[in-house]
């Protein structure tokens, strides 16, 4: 699939920062109270030790007249608005004045020529789907929009990670994970697309949860558990604001309404029962342990790469750490683990078209080789497909060692 000029440079910039060790996400919408404000071409998230996280945005313009001065000012403003650590502009402009202006505004400048020289002519999408190809894969399911709007689910999860505080972002991403996990179990003919959506949503949930744990790096396990439980349950910014608001309302009812104490007690019991249904203890218990929380960032990188894997072999075969976290997320949302971790697919993987038959064949010579479906009529072709779907698949070891994208480098990223 040929990429548009700008999209190609965005993929190149994404690959560059991914190799530096970041989680790099393309095309992230910035929203305020569900209203779209603008979008970021590439969003970067990095981890440099237990208590240090790095967030950065990349503005990409691959045009003959890129308006570099304007883009630098825009990137600087977005950096301040989103409270990012760094802002980067990738542009085709090589004017020395642009470089000096970017340095004055504390914006990193990345030229298109440098990125193309860095790639050395290698195809950064040889084993990875571009964003456009991933979108096209989901759109191959004709009913994706009527069936909950799959693309909107992904876009909302990506936007939440940038636009919201960590706990609300986690809850939004995990809701998207639940959506795709259910589709993976109930839409077997579109399981591949559902898995891609589930793994990408899980990667975003890992990013959000890792960002939430940034503040808890030096807390005792019990305190980490309590703060995680409250954050996931109430979906606030981790400041117990929701619980405080509830306590205030119950206090008003208790004091200002006839039989208020009994009514406040009943209301509190009903709320506690409702919040208990969230089952936040599953997340809190697992990630309160430092040895489990430490895997969140690397698993986010792996799952993001798996979601964009060009082949099915790259989509499945998760590392032990990724399987563990996917399993915890599945238990949390009440999804079936087998639907997410099985290597079985109902439909066959896409295959290249067969070679065209020669125009002439010698008398008595056999026909040129072709697919089983071509050699039979429509009815026999269906039977052949069913027979092939029942054939045993090569098994994979559940204890496979963690794997990472070959373009991924140092897990401790360093920005420009």
Protein backbone atom coordinates (compact mmCIF):
# COMPACT_ATOMS: atom_id res chain seq x y z
CA UNK A 1 0.00 0.00 0.00
CA UNK A 2 1.54 3.27 -1.16
CA UNK A 3 1.63 5.91 1.57
CA UNK A 4 0.92 9.58 1.10
CA UNK A 5 3.99 11.80 1.23
CA UNK A 6 3.35 13.12 4.75
CA UNK A 7 2.32 9.73 6.10
CA UNK A 8 5.59 8.21 4.90
CA UNK A 9 7.65 10.74 6.83
CA UNK A 10 5.44 10.21 9.90
CA UNK A 11 6.15 6.47 9.77
CA UNK A 12 9.85 7.20 9.40
CA UNK A 13 9.80 9.53 12.42
CA UNK A 14 7.81 6.96 14.42
CA UNK A 15 10.33 4.23 13.56
CA UNK A 16 13.26 6.52 14.48
CA UNK A 17 11.96 7.18 17.99
CA UNK A 18 10.76 3.62 18.46
CA UNK A 19 14.31 2.45 17.84
CA UNK A 20 15.46 4.89 20.53
CA UNK A 21 13.24 3.02 22.98
CA UNK A 22 10.02 5.04 23.03
CA UNK A 23 6.46 3.89 22.57
CA UNK A 24 5.59 5.92 19.48
CA UNK A 25 1.94 6.35 18.48
CA UNK A 26 0.84 8.03 15.27
CA UNK A 27 -2.13 10.35 14.77
CA UNK A 28 -3.39 11.08 18.28
CA UNK A 29 -6.41 13.35 18.68
CA UNK A 30 -6.34 15.91 21.50
CA UNK A 31 -9.79 16.35 23.04
CA UNK A 32 -11.38 18.50 25.72
CA UNK A 33 -14.70 17.30 27.16
CA UNK A 34 -15.20 15.09 24.08
CA UNK A 35 -14.57 18.00 21.69
CA UNK A 36 -11.62 17.58 19.33
CA UNK A 37 -9.09 20.39 19.69
CA UNK A 38 -6.27 19.30 17.37
CA UNK A 39 -4.11 16.27 16.73
CA UNK A 40 -0.50 15.23 17.23
CA UNK A 41 1.33 13.51 14.38
CA UNK A 42 3.47 11.29 16.65
CA UNK A 43 3.18 10.94 20.43
CA UNK A 44 6.15 9.60 22.38
CA UNK A 45 6.19 7.96 25.79
CA UNK A 46 9.38 6.77 27.43
CA UNK A 47 10.53 5.37 30.76
CA UNK A 48 13.95 6.11 32.19
CA UNK A 49 14.01 4.36 35.53
CA UNK A 50 11.44 3.76 38.24
CA UNK A 51 10.36 7.36 38.83
CA UNK A 52 11.16 9.09 35.53
CA UNK A 53 8.84 9.21 32.53
CA UNK A 54 9.28 11.19 29.31
CA UNK A 55 6.45 12.53 27.17
CA UNK A 56 7.04 14.28 23.87
CA UNK A 57 5.21 15.27 20.72
CA UNK A 58 6.46 15.28 17.14
CA UNK A 59 5.01 17.55 14.47
CA UNK A 60 5.74 16.24 10.97
CA UNK A 61 5.49 18.28 7.77
CA UNK A 62 6.74 16.84 4.49
CA UNK A 63 5.97 19.68 2.07
CA UNK A 64 7.79 21.92 -0.34
CA UNK A 65 6.72 24.90 1.79
CA UNK A 66 6.57 23.44 5.30
CA UNK A 67 6.16 26.79 7.13
CA UNK A 68 8.77 25.67 9.61
CA UNK A 69 8.66 28.82 11.78
CA UNK A 70 4.92 28.41 12.26
CA UNK A 71 5.25 24.70 13.06
CA UNK A 72 7.94 25.40 15.65
CA UNK A 73 5.69 27.90 17.42
CA UNK A 74 2.77 25.46 17.25
CA UNK A 75 4.86 22.62 18.67
CA UNK A 76 6.15 24.83 21.49
CA UNK A 77 2.62 25.91 22.38
CA UNK A 78 1.39 22.31 22.34
CA UNK A 79 4.29 21.28 24.56
CA UNK A 80 3.24 23.82 27.18
CA UNK A 81 -0.47 23.05 26.82
CA UNK A 82 0.02 19.29 27.24
CA UNK A 83 2.81 19.63 29.81
CA UNK A 84 5.18 17.58 27.66
CA UNK A 85 8.86 17.22 28.38
CA UNK A 86 9.96 17.87 24.80
CA UNK A 87 8.65 19.01 21.42
CA UNK A 88 10.12 17.95 18.09
CA UNK A 89 9.47 19.25 14.58
CA UNK A 90 10.31 17.04 11.60
CA UNK A 91 10.50 19.19 8.47
CA UNK A 92 11.95 19.40 4.99
CA UNK A 93 13.25 22.94 5.68
CA UNK A 94 17.03 23.07 6.14
CA UNK A 95 17.37 26.85 6.51
CA UNK A 96 19.92 27.79 9.17
CA UNK A 97 17.55 30.47 10.49
CA UNK A 98 14.97 27.79 11.20
CA UNK A 99 17.53 25.83 13.21
CA UNK A 100 18.45 28.86 15.31
CA UNK A 101 14.79 29.73 15.90
CA UNK A 102 14.04 26.15 17.01
CA UNK A 103 16.94 26.27 19.45
CA UNK A 104 15.71 29.58 20.85
CA UNK A 105 12.24 28.08 21.42
CA UNK A 106 13.73 24.89 22.95
CA UNK A 107 12.22 22.75 20.19
CA UNK A 108 14.24 19.92 18.66
CA UNK A 109 14.50 20.07 14.87
CA UNK A 110 14.64 16.87 12.83
CA UNK A 111 15.11 17.20 9.09
CA UNK A 112 13.56 14.85 6.57
CA UNK A 113 16.99 14.44 4.96
CA UNK A 114 18.45 13.23 8.26
CA UNK A 115 15.64 10.71 8.78
CA UNK A 116 16.02 9.32 5.28
CA UNK A 117 19.78 9.08 5.69
CA UNK A 118 19.23 7.34 9.04
CA UNK A 119 16.99 4.72 7.46
CA UNK A 120 19.68 4.00 4.88
CA UNK A 121 17.03 3.12 2.33
CA UNK A 122 15.69 0.30 4.51
CA UNK A 123 11.95 -0.29 4.47
CA UNK A 124 10.79 0.48 8.03
CA UNK A 125 7.45 -1.14 7.13
CA UNK A 126 8.88 -4.43 5.89
CA UNK A 127 7.51 -6.31 8.90
CA UNK A 128 5.06 -3.70 10.19
CA UNK A 129 1.72 -2.36 9.03
CA UNK A 130 1.47 1.38 8.68
CA UNK A 131 -1.38 3.19 10.40
CA UNK A 132 -3.15 3.39 7.05
CA UNK A 133 -2.75 -0.34 6.47
CA UNK A 134 -4.03 -1.15 9.95
CA UNK A 135 -7.05 1.05 9.31
CA UNK A 136 -7.62 -0.67 5.97
CA UNK A 137 -7.40 -4.08 7.66
CA UNK A 138 -10.16 -3.13 10.11
CA UNK A 139 -12.24 -1.62 7.34
CA UNK A 140 -12.12 -4.98 5.54
CA UNK A 141 -14.82 -5.95 8.04
CA UNK A 142 -17.78 -4.32 6.32
CA UNK A 143 -19.82 -4.04 9.51
CA UNK A 144 -17.09 -2.52 11.68
CA UNK A 145 -18.86 0.85 11.95
CA UNK A 146 -22.28 -0.56 12.82
CA UNK A 147 -20.69 -3.04 15.23
CA UNK A 148 -19.64 -0.40 17.75
CA UNK A 149 -17.38 1.58 15.37
CA UNK A 150 -14.04 -0.21 15.77
CA UNK A 151 -11.92 2.67 14.51
CA UNK A 152 -13.61 5.11 16.88
CA UNK A 153 -12.83 2.81 19.81
CA UNK A 154 -9.12 2.88 18.96
CA UNK A 155 -9.09 6.64 18.36
CA UNK A 156 -10.81 7.30 21.72
CA UNK A 157 -8.29 5.13 23.59
CA UNK A 158 -5.33 6.88 21.94
CA UNK A 159 -6.79 10.29 22.66
CA UNK A 160 -7.42 9.43 26.32
CA UNK A 161 -3.76 8.57 26.95
CA UNK A 162 -2.75 12.10 25.91
CA UNK A 163 -5.81 14.15 26.89
CA UNK A 164 -6.70 12.67 30.31
CA UNK A 165 -5.01 11.99 33.63
CA UNK A 166 -3.48 8.49 33.99
CA UNK A 167 -6.35 6.71 35.79
CA UNK A 168 -9.18 8.01 33.57
CA UNK A 169 -6.97 7.23 30.56
CA UNK A 170 -6.46 3.68 31.83
CA UNK A 171 -10.19 3.18 32.30
CA UNK A 172 -10.87 4.47 28.79
CA UNK A 173 -8.21 2.25 27.22
CA UNK A 174 -9.32 -0.81 29.19
CA UNK A 175 -12.91 -0.21 28.01
CA UNK A 176 -11.60 -0.35 24.45
CA UNK A 177 -9.70 -3.54 25.36
CA UNK A 178 -12.93 -5.08 26.69
CA UNK A 179 -14.72 -4.14 23.45
CA UNK A 180 -12.16 -5.86 21.23
CA UNK A 181 -11.73 -8.85 23.56
CA UNK A 182 -15.45 -9.50 23.29
CA UNK A 183 -15.28 -9.18 19.50
CA UNK A 184 -12.34 -11.58 19.36
CA UNK A 185 -14.49 -14.18 21.13
CA UNK A 186 -17.75 -13.55 19.24
CA UNK A 187 -16.53 -12.57 15.75
CA UNK A 188 -14.18 -15.45 14.90
CA UNK A 189 -14.16 -14.57 11.20
CA UNK A 190 -12.71 -11.15 12.12
CA UNK A 191 -10.58 -12.31 15.03
CA UNK A 192 -7.34 -11.03 13.50
CA UNK A 193 -8.63 -7.46 13.33
CA UNK A 194 -10.13 -7.76 16.82
CA UNK A 195 -6.79 -8.96 18.21
CA UNK A 196 -5.00 -6.01 16.66
CA UNK A 197 -7.47 -3.66 18.32
CA UNK A 198 -7.22 -5.50 21.65
CA UNK A 199 -3.41 -5.51 21.69
CA UNK A 200 -3.19 -1.83 20.75
CA UNK A 201 -5.75 -0.93 23.45
CA UNK A 202 -3.84 -3.05 25.98
CA UNK A 203 -0.61 -1.25 25.05
CA UNK A 204 -2.32 2.09 25.69
CA UNK A 205 -3.68 0.80 29.00
CA UNK A 206 -0.16 -0.26 29.99
CA UNK A 207 1.15 3.22 29.15
CA UNK A 208 -1.57 4.89 31.23
CA UNK A 209 -1.06 2.58 34.20
CA UNK A 210 2.71 3.00 34.03
CA UNK A 211 2.21 6.77 34.07
CA UNK A 212 -0.03 6.42 37.14
CA UNK A 213 2.62 4.36 38.90
CA UNK A 214 5.19 7.12 38.32
CA UNK A 215 3.89 8.83 41.45
CA UNK A 216 3.87 5.59 43.45
CA UNK A 217 7.42 4.47 42.69
CA UNK A 218 8.64 4.89 46.26
CA UNK A 219 5.46 3.95 48.13
CA UNK A 220 5.14 0.85 50.27
CA UNK A 221 3.25 -2.08 48.65
CA UNK A 222 0.18 -1.57 50.85
CA UNK A 223 -0.02 2.13 50.01
CA UNK A 224 0.48 1.33 46.31
CA UNK A 225 -2.40 -1.15 46.49
CA UNK A 226 -4.75 1.34 48.13
CA UNK A 227 -3.91 4.15 45.72
CA UNK A 228 -4.19 1.88 42.69
CA UNK A 229 -7.50 0.51 43.93
CA UNK A 230 -8.93 4.00 44.46
CA UNK A 231 -7.62 5.36 41.16
CA UNK A 232 -8.99 2.50 39.05
CA UNK A 233 -12.29 2.36 40.96
CA UNK A 234 -13.16 6.04 40.86
CA UNK A 235 -11.25 7.03 37.73
CA UNK A 236 -10.02 10.32 39.13
CA UNK A 237 -6.56 11.81 38.92
CA UNK A 238 -5.37 9.77 41.90
CA UNK A 239 -6.28 12.54 44.36
CA UNK A 240 -9.42 10.84 45.80
CA UNK A 241 -11.51 13.74 44.55
CA UNK A 242 -14.43 11.48 43.59
CA UNK A 243 -14.47 9.79 46.99
CA UNK A 244 -14.36 13.17 48.71
CA UNK A 245 -17.28 14.40 46.61
CA UNK A 246 -19.28 11.29 47.49
CA UNK A 247 -18.54 11.77 51.19
CA UNK A 248 -19.66 15.40 50.95
CA UNK A 249 -22.97 14.48 49.32
CA UNK A 250 -23.66 11.73 51.87
CA UNK A 251 -22.89 14.17 54.69
CA UNK A 252 -25.40 16.69 53.28
CA UNK A 253 -28.05 13.98 52.98
CA UNK A 254 -27.38 12.77 56.51
CA UNK A 255 -27.73 16.21 58.05
CA UNK A 256 -30.23 18.01 55.86
CA UNK A 257 -32.86 15.41 54.97
CA UNK A 258 -35.51 13.81 57.14
CA UNK A 259 -34.33 10.33 58.13
CA UNK A 260 -31.12 11.39 56.45
CA UNK A 261 -28.82 9.08 58.38
CA UNK A 262 -30.67 5.96 57.27
CA UNK A 263 -30.94 7.25 53.71
CA UNK A 264 -27.24 8.16 53.60
CA UNK A 265 -26.32 4.73 54.93
CA UNK A 266 -28.45 2.99 52.28
CA UNK A 267 -26.99 5.20 49.55
CA UNK A 268 -23.45 4.48 50.73
CA UNK A 269 -24.12 0.72 50.76
CA UNK A 270 -25.51 0.89 47.22
CA UNK A 271 -22.50 2.88 45.99
CA UNK A 272 -20.04 0.49 47.63
CA UNK A 273 -21.79 -2.45 45.98
CA UNK A 274 -21.63 -0.70 42.62
CA UNK A 275 -17.94 0.18 42.95
CA UNK A 276 -17.13 -3.35 44.14
CA UNK A 277 -18.39 -4.53 40.76
CA UNK A 278 -15.48 -2.73 39.13
CA UNK A 279 -13.16 -5.41 40.58
CA UNK A 280 -10.27 -2.97 40.81
CA UNK A 281 -8.58 -5.28 43.30
CA UNK A 282 -7.47 -7.47 40.37
CA UNK A 283 -5.41 -4.61 38.93
CA UNK A 284 -4.29 -3.26 42.30
CA UNK A 285 -3.12 -6.61 43.65
CA UNK A 286 -1.09 -7.53 40.59
CA UNK A 287 0.56 -4.17 39.88
CA UNK A 288 1.18 -3.20 43.50
CA UNK A 289 4.08 -5.63 43.22
CA UNK A 290 7.10 -3.85 41.77
CA UNK A 291 8.28 -6.92 39.85
CA UNK A 292 5.00 -6.89 37.89
CA UNK A 293 4.71 -3.13 37.45
CA UNK A 294 8.25 -3.00 36.07
CA UNK A 295 7.10 -4.90 32.95
CA UNK A 296 4.38 -2.42 31.96
CA UNK A 297 6.51 -0.23 29.70
CA UNK A 298 8.24 -3.06 27.82
CA UNK A 299 4.93 -4.89 27.41
CA UNK A 300 3.37 -1.69 26.02
CA UNK A 301 6.14 -1.57 23.41
CA UNK A 302 5.68 -5.20 22.51
CA UNK A 303 1.89 -5.10 22.25
CA UNK A 304 1.96 -1.94 20.14
CA UNK A 305 4.35 -3.71 17.77
CA UNK A 306 2.24 -6.89 17.75
CA UNK A 307 -0.87 -4.91 16.84
CA UNK A 308 0.91 -3.64 13.71
CA UNK A 309 2.66 -6.91 12.79
CA UNK A 310 2.44 -7.57 9.07
CA UNK A 311 2.07 -11.36 9.47
CA UNK A 312 -0.09 -13.46 11.76
CA UNK A 313 3.04 -15.10 13.13
CA UNK A 314 4.08 -11.67 14.38
CA UNK A 315 0.64 -11.02 15.83
CA UNK A 316 0.64 -14.07 18.09
CA UNK A 317 3.39 -15.71 20.14
CA UNK A 318 3.49 -13.14 22.94
CA UNK A 319 6.22 -13.06 25.55
CA UNK A 320 5.54 -14.51 28.99
CA UNK A 321 5.26 -11.02 30.48
CA UNK A 322 2.77 -9.90 27.85
CA UNK A 323 0.66 -13.02 28.30
CA UNK A 324 0.56 -12.40 32.04
CA UNK A 325 -0.62 -8.82 31.68
CA UNK A 326 -3.11 -9.67 28.93
CA UNK A 327 -4.45 -12.38 31.25
CA UNK A 328 -4.83 -9.90 34.13
CA UNK A 329 -6.61 -7.41 31.88
CA UNK A 330 -8.88 -10.19 30.57
CA UNK A 331 -9.79 -11.23 34.12
CA UNK A 332 -10.45 -7.60 35.04
CA UNK A 333 -12.92 -7.03 32.18
CA UNK A 334 -14.38 -10.54 32.33
CA UNK A 335 -13.09 -11.62 28.90
CA UNK A 336 -11.96 -15.07 27.80
CA UNK A 337 -8.21 -15.51 27.82
CA UNK A 338 -8.34 -18.15 25.08
CA UNK A 339 -9.93 -15.68 22.67
CA UNK A 340 -6.88 -13.42 23.10
CA UNK A 341 -4.04 -15.92 23.41
CA UNK A 342 -5.05 -18.75 21.08
CA UNK A 343 -3.14 -19.13 17.81
CA UNK A 344 -6.18 -20.53 15.99
CA UNK A 345 -7.88 -18.47 13.26
CA UNK A 346 -11.16 -19.31 11.54
CA UNK A 347 -10.20 -17.73 8.24
CA UNK A 348 -7.05 -18.46 6.30
CA UNK A 349 -4.30 -15.88 6.22
CA UNK A 350 -4.10 -13.84 2.99
CA UNK A 351 -1.85 -15.45 0.38
CA UNK A 352 -0.20 -13.95 -2.69
CA UNK A 353 -2.15 -14.42 -5.94
CA UNK A 354 -1.10 -17.51 -7.96
CA UNK A 355 1.24 -17.20 -10.90
CA UNK A 356 -0.61 -16.76 -14.23
CA UNK A 357 -0.91 -19.92 -16.30
CA UNK A 358 1.08 -20.10 -19.56
CA UNK A 359 -0.87 -19.34 -22.71
CA UNK A 360 0.04 -22.65 -24.31
CA UNK A 361 0.75 -26.08 -22.87
CA UNK A 362 2.24 -29.09 -24.55
CA UNK A 363 -0.22 -31.87 -25.43
CA UNK A 364 -0.57 -34.33 -22.60
CA UNK A 365 1.39 -32.14 -20.19
CA UNK A 366 -0.10 -31.57 -16.77
CA UNK A 367 -1.76 -28.30 -15.89
CA UNK A 368 0.40 -25.72 -14.14
CA UNK A 369 0.19 -25.84 -10.36
CA UNK A 370 -2.59 -23.76 -8.81
CA UNK A 371 -4.42 -23.38 -5.57
CA UNK A 372 -6.86 -26.02 -4.38
CA UNK A 373 -9.73 -23.56 -4.67
CA UNK A 374 -8.96 -22.86 -8.35
CA UNK A 375 -8.80 -26.56 -9.22
CA UNK A 376 -12.32 -27.19 -7.98
CA UNK A 377 -15.71 -25.63 -8.43
CA UNK A 378 -17.33 -23.32 -5.86
CA UNK A 379 -18.92 -26.15 -3.85
CA UNK A 380 -15.71 -28.17 -3.73
CA UNK A 381 -13.75 -25.03 -2.88
CA UNK A 382 -15.88 -24.49 0.22
CA UNK A 383 -15.27 -28.06 1.33
CA UNK A 384 -11.55 -27.63 0.72
CA UNK A 385 -11.47 -24.52 2.85
CA UNK A 386 -13.32 -26.29 5.67
CA UNK A 387 -10.93 -29.23 5.45
CA UNK A 388 -7.93 -26.93 5.54
CA UNK A 389 -9.33 -25.01 8.53
CA UNK A 390 -9.55 -28.30 10.45
CA UNK A 391 -5.94 -29.19 9.74
CA UNK A 392 -3.63 -29.09 12.75
CA UNK A 393 -1.74 -25.85 13.23
CA UNK A 394 1.87 -25.69 14.35
CA UNK A 395 1.93 -25.30 18.12
CA UNK A 396 3.80 -22.58 19.92
CA UNK A 397 5.51 -22.77 23.25
CA UNK A 398 3.61 -20.86 25.94
CA UNK A 399 6.89 -20.09 27.63
CA UNK A 400 8.49 -18.39 24.70
CA UNK A 401 11.07 -15.78 25.59
CA UNK A 402 10.05 -12.13 25.28
CA UNK A 403 10.31 -10.86 21.76
CA UNK A 404 10.58 -7.32 20.52
CA UNK A 405 10.40 -5.50 17.23
CA UNK A 406 13.74 -5.64 15.51
CA UNK A 407 13.48 -1.90 15.03
CA UNK A 408 13.21 -1.42 18.76
CA UNK A 409 16.38 -0.54 20.56
CA UNK A 410 17.34 0.62 23.99
CA UNK A 411 14.36 0.23 26.36
CA UNK A 412 15.59 3.32 28.22
CA UNK A 413 15.00 6.06 25.61
CA UNK A 414 16.99 9.24 25.21
CA UNK A 415 15.39 12.07 23.30
CA UNK A 416 17.23 14.38 21.00
